[in-house]
Amino acid sequence: MQTPTAAALTPSRHPFRRSLGVVQEEARERREEHDLKLFVLSFTAFFVCIYSFIF
């Protein structure tokens, strides 16, 4: 659990900032599996392209 920063705890002084409201950070999804699949796909495509240029 994250604790709010000191800036988030102090009230806004500028009128425009007061009208905006508080921004809540959204929970991030774990995308490690997706990133690994994309890396393997990119590496394979690069290898096939270079291999086809050489031979």
N, C-alpha and C. Protein backbone atom coordinates (compact mmCIF):
# COMPACT_ATOMS: atom_id res chain seq x y z
N MET A 1 0.85 -1.18 0.00
CA MET A 1 0.00 0.00 0.00
C MET A 1 0.89 1.23 0.00
N GLN A 2 0.51 2.21 -0.80
CA GLN A 2 1.30 3.42 -0.90
C GLN A 2 0.73 4.49 0.01
N THR A 3 1.63 5.27 0.59
CA THR A 3 1.20 6.37 1.43
C THR A 3 1.20 7.64 0.60
N PRO A 4 0.29 8.55 0.86
CA PRO A 4 0.26 9.80 0.09
C PRO A 4 1.46 10.68 0.43
N THR A 5 1.91 11.44 -0.53
CA THR A 5 3.05 12.33 -0.32
C THR A 5 2.61 13.56 0.46
N ALA A 6 3.59 14.35 0.87
CA ALA A 6 3.28 15.56 1.63
C ALA A 6 2.52 16.56 0.77
N ALA A 7 2.82 16.60 -0.53
CA ALA A 7 2.12 17.52 -1.43
C ALA A 7 0.65 17.14 -1.57
N ALA A 8 0.36 15.85 -1.51
CA ALA A 8 -1.03 15.40 -1.63
C ALA A 8 -1.82 15.69 -0.37
N LEU A 9 -1.15 15.78 0.76
CA LEU A 9 -1.84 16.02 2.02
C LEU A 9 -2.16 17.50 2.24
N THR A 10 -1.36 18.40 1.66
CA THR A 10 -1.60 19.82 1.86
C THR A 10 -2.69 20.30 0.92
N PRO A 11 -3.52 21.22 1.38
CA PRO A 11 -4.58 21.72 0.51
C PRO A 11 -4.01 22.60 -0.60
N SER A 12 -4.67 22.63 -1.74
CA SER A 12 -4.24 23.46 -2.86
C SER A 12 -4.53 24.92 -2.55
N ARG A 13 -3.59 25.77 -2.90
CA ARG A 13 -3.77 27.19 -2.63
C ARG A 13 -4.27 27.95 -3.84
N HIS A 14 -3.86 27.52 -5.02
CA HIS A 14 -4.27 28.22 -6.23
C HIS A 14 -5.70 27.83 -6.59
N PRO A 15 -6.52 28.78 -7.01
CA PRO A 15 -7.93 28.47 -7.32
C PRO A 15 -8.09 27.42 -8.43
N PHE A 16 -7.23 27.46 -9.43
CA PHE A 16 -7.33 26.48 -10.51
C PHE A 16 -7.04 25.08 -9.99
N ARG A 17 -6.05 24.95 -9.13
CA ARG A 17 -5.73 23.63 -8.56
C ARG A 17 -6.86 23.14 -7.66
N ARG A 18 -7.50 24.04 -6.95
CA ARG A 18 -8.62 23.64 -6.10
C ARG A 18 -9.78 23.10 -6.92
N SER A 19 -9.95 23.64 -8.13
CA SER A 19 -11.08 23.20 -8.95
C SER A 19 -10.84 21.85 -9.61
N LEU A 20 -9.60 21.37 -9.67
CA LEU A 20 -9.29 20.13 -10.36
C LEU A 20 -9.64 18.88 -9.57
N GLY A 21 -9.43 18.89 -8.30
CA GLY A 21 -9.69 17.70 -7.50
C GLY A 21 -8.44 16.86 -7.34
N VAL A 22 -8.57 15.78 -6.59
CA VAL A 22 -7.43 14.92 -6.27
C VAL A 22 -7.35 13.80 -7.31
N VAL A 23 -6.14 13.54 -7.77
CA VAL A 23 -5.91 12.49 -8.75
C VAL A 23 -5.51 11.21 -8.02
N GLN A 24 -6.21 10.13 -8.30
CA GLN A 24 -5.90 8.84 -7.70
C GLN A 24 -5.12 8.01 -8.71
N GLU A 25 -4.01 7.42 -8.24
CA GLU A 25 -3.20 6.59 -9.13
C GLU A 25 -3.88 5.24 -9.32
N GLU A 26 -3.99 4.81 -10.58
CA GLU A 26 -4.63 3.54 -10.89
C GLU A 26 -3.63 2.40 -10.70
N ALA A 27 -4.15 1.26 -10.34
CA ALA A 27 -3.30 0.09 -10.17
C ALA A 27 -2.85 -0.40 -11.54
N ARG A 28 -1.57 -0.74 -11.64
CA ARG A 28 -1.02 -1.21 -12.90
C ARG A 28 -1.11 -2.72 -12.99
N GLU A 29 -1.38 -3.18 -14.18
CA GLU A 29 -1.42 -4.62 -14.40
C GLU A 29 -0.01 -5.12 -14.67
N ARG A 30 0.24 -6.35 -14.31
CA ARG A 30 1.54 -6.93 -14.59
C ARG A 30 1.58 -7.35 -16.05
N ARG A 31 2.55 -6.81 -16.77
CA ARG A 31 2.64 -7.09 -18.19
C ARG A 31 3.95 -7.79 -18.53
N GLU A 32 4.58 -8.41 -17.58
CA GLU A 32 5.88 -9.01 -17.82
C GLU A 32 5.79 -10.13 -18.86
N GLU A 33 4.72 -10.92 -18.81
CA GLU A 33 4.57 -12.01 -19.77
C GLU A 33 4.38 -11.44 -21.18
N HIS A 34 3.60 -10.39 -21.29
CA HIS A 34 3.38 -9.77 -22.59
C HIS A 34 4.69 -9.18 -23.12
N ASP A 35 5.47 -8.54 -22.27
CA ASP A 35 6.73 -7.96 -22.69
C ASP A 35 7.71 -9.04 -23.14
N LEU A 36 7.73 -10.16 -22.46
CA LEU A 36 8.62 -11.26 -22.84
C LEU A 36 8.21 -11.83 -24.20
N LYS A 37 6.93 -12.01 -24.42
CA LYS A 37 6.46 -12.52 -25.71
C LYS A 37 6.80 -11.56 -26.84
N LEU A 38 6.65 -10.26 -26.61
CA LEU A 38 6.99 -9.27 -27.62
C LEU A 38 8.48 -9.28 -27.92
N PHE A 39 9.31 -9.42 -26.89
CA PHE A 39 10.75 -9.48 -27.09
C PHE A 39 11.13 -10.70 -27.92
N VAL A 40 10.58 -11.86 -27.60
CA VAL A 40 10.91 -13.08 -28.34
C VAL A 40 10.46 -12.96 -29.80
N LEU A 41 9.28 -12.41 -30.02
CA LEU A 41 8.79 -12.22 -31.38
C LEU A 41 9.69 -11.27 -32.17
N SER A 42 10.09 -10.16 -31.55
CA SER A 42 10.95 -9.19 -32.22
C SER A 42 12.32 -9.78 -32.51
N PHE A 43 12.88 -10.49 -31.56
CA PHE A 43 14.19 -11.11 -31.74
C PHE A 43 14.15 -12.13 -32.87
N THR A 44 13.10 -12.94 -32.91
CA THR A 44 12.97 -13.96 -33.96
C THR A 44 12.82 -13.30 -35.33
N ALA A 45 12.02 -12.26 -35.42
CA ALA A 45 11.83 -11.56 -36.70
C ALA A 45 13.14 -10.94 -37.16
N PHE A 46 13.88 -10.33 -36.26
CA PHE A 46 15.17 -9.74 -36.60
C PHE A 46 16.14 -10.82 -37.07
N PHE A 47 16.18 -11.95 -36.37
CA PHE A 47 17.07 -13.04 -36.74
C PHE A 47 16.73 -13.58 -38.12
N VAL A 48 15.45 -13.76 -38.41
CA VAL A 48 15.03 -14.27 -39.72
C VAL A 48 15.41 -13.29 -40.83
N CYS A 49 15.21 -12.00 -40.60
CA CYS A 49 15.56 -11.00 -41.62
C CYS A 49 17.06 -10.99 -41.89
N ILE A 50 17.88 -10.96 -40.87
CA ILE A 50 19.33 -10.94 -41.05
C ILE A 50 19.80 -12.24 -41.69
N TYR A 51 19.26 -13.36 -41.25
CA TYR A 51 19.65 -14.66 -41.81
C TYR A 51 19.29 -14.74 -43.29
N SER A 52 18.13 -14.19 -43.68
CA SER A 52 17.73 -14.24 -45.09
C SER A 52 18.59 -13.31 -45.95
N PHE A 53 19.10 -12.22 -45.40
CA PHE A 53 19.99 -11.34 -46.16
C PHE A 53 21.36 -11.98 -46.36
N ILE A 54 21.84 -12.72 -45.39
CA ILE A 54 23.17 -13.33 -45.49
C ILE A 54 23.15 -14.52 -46.44
N PHE A 55 22.14 -15.36 -46.37
CA PHE A 55 22.11 -16.58 -47.19
C PHE A 55 21.10 -16.42 -48.25
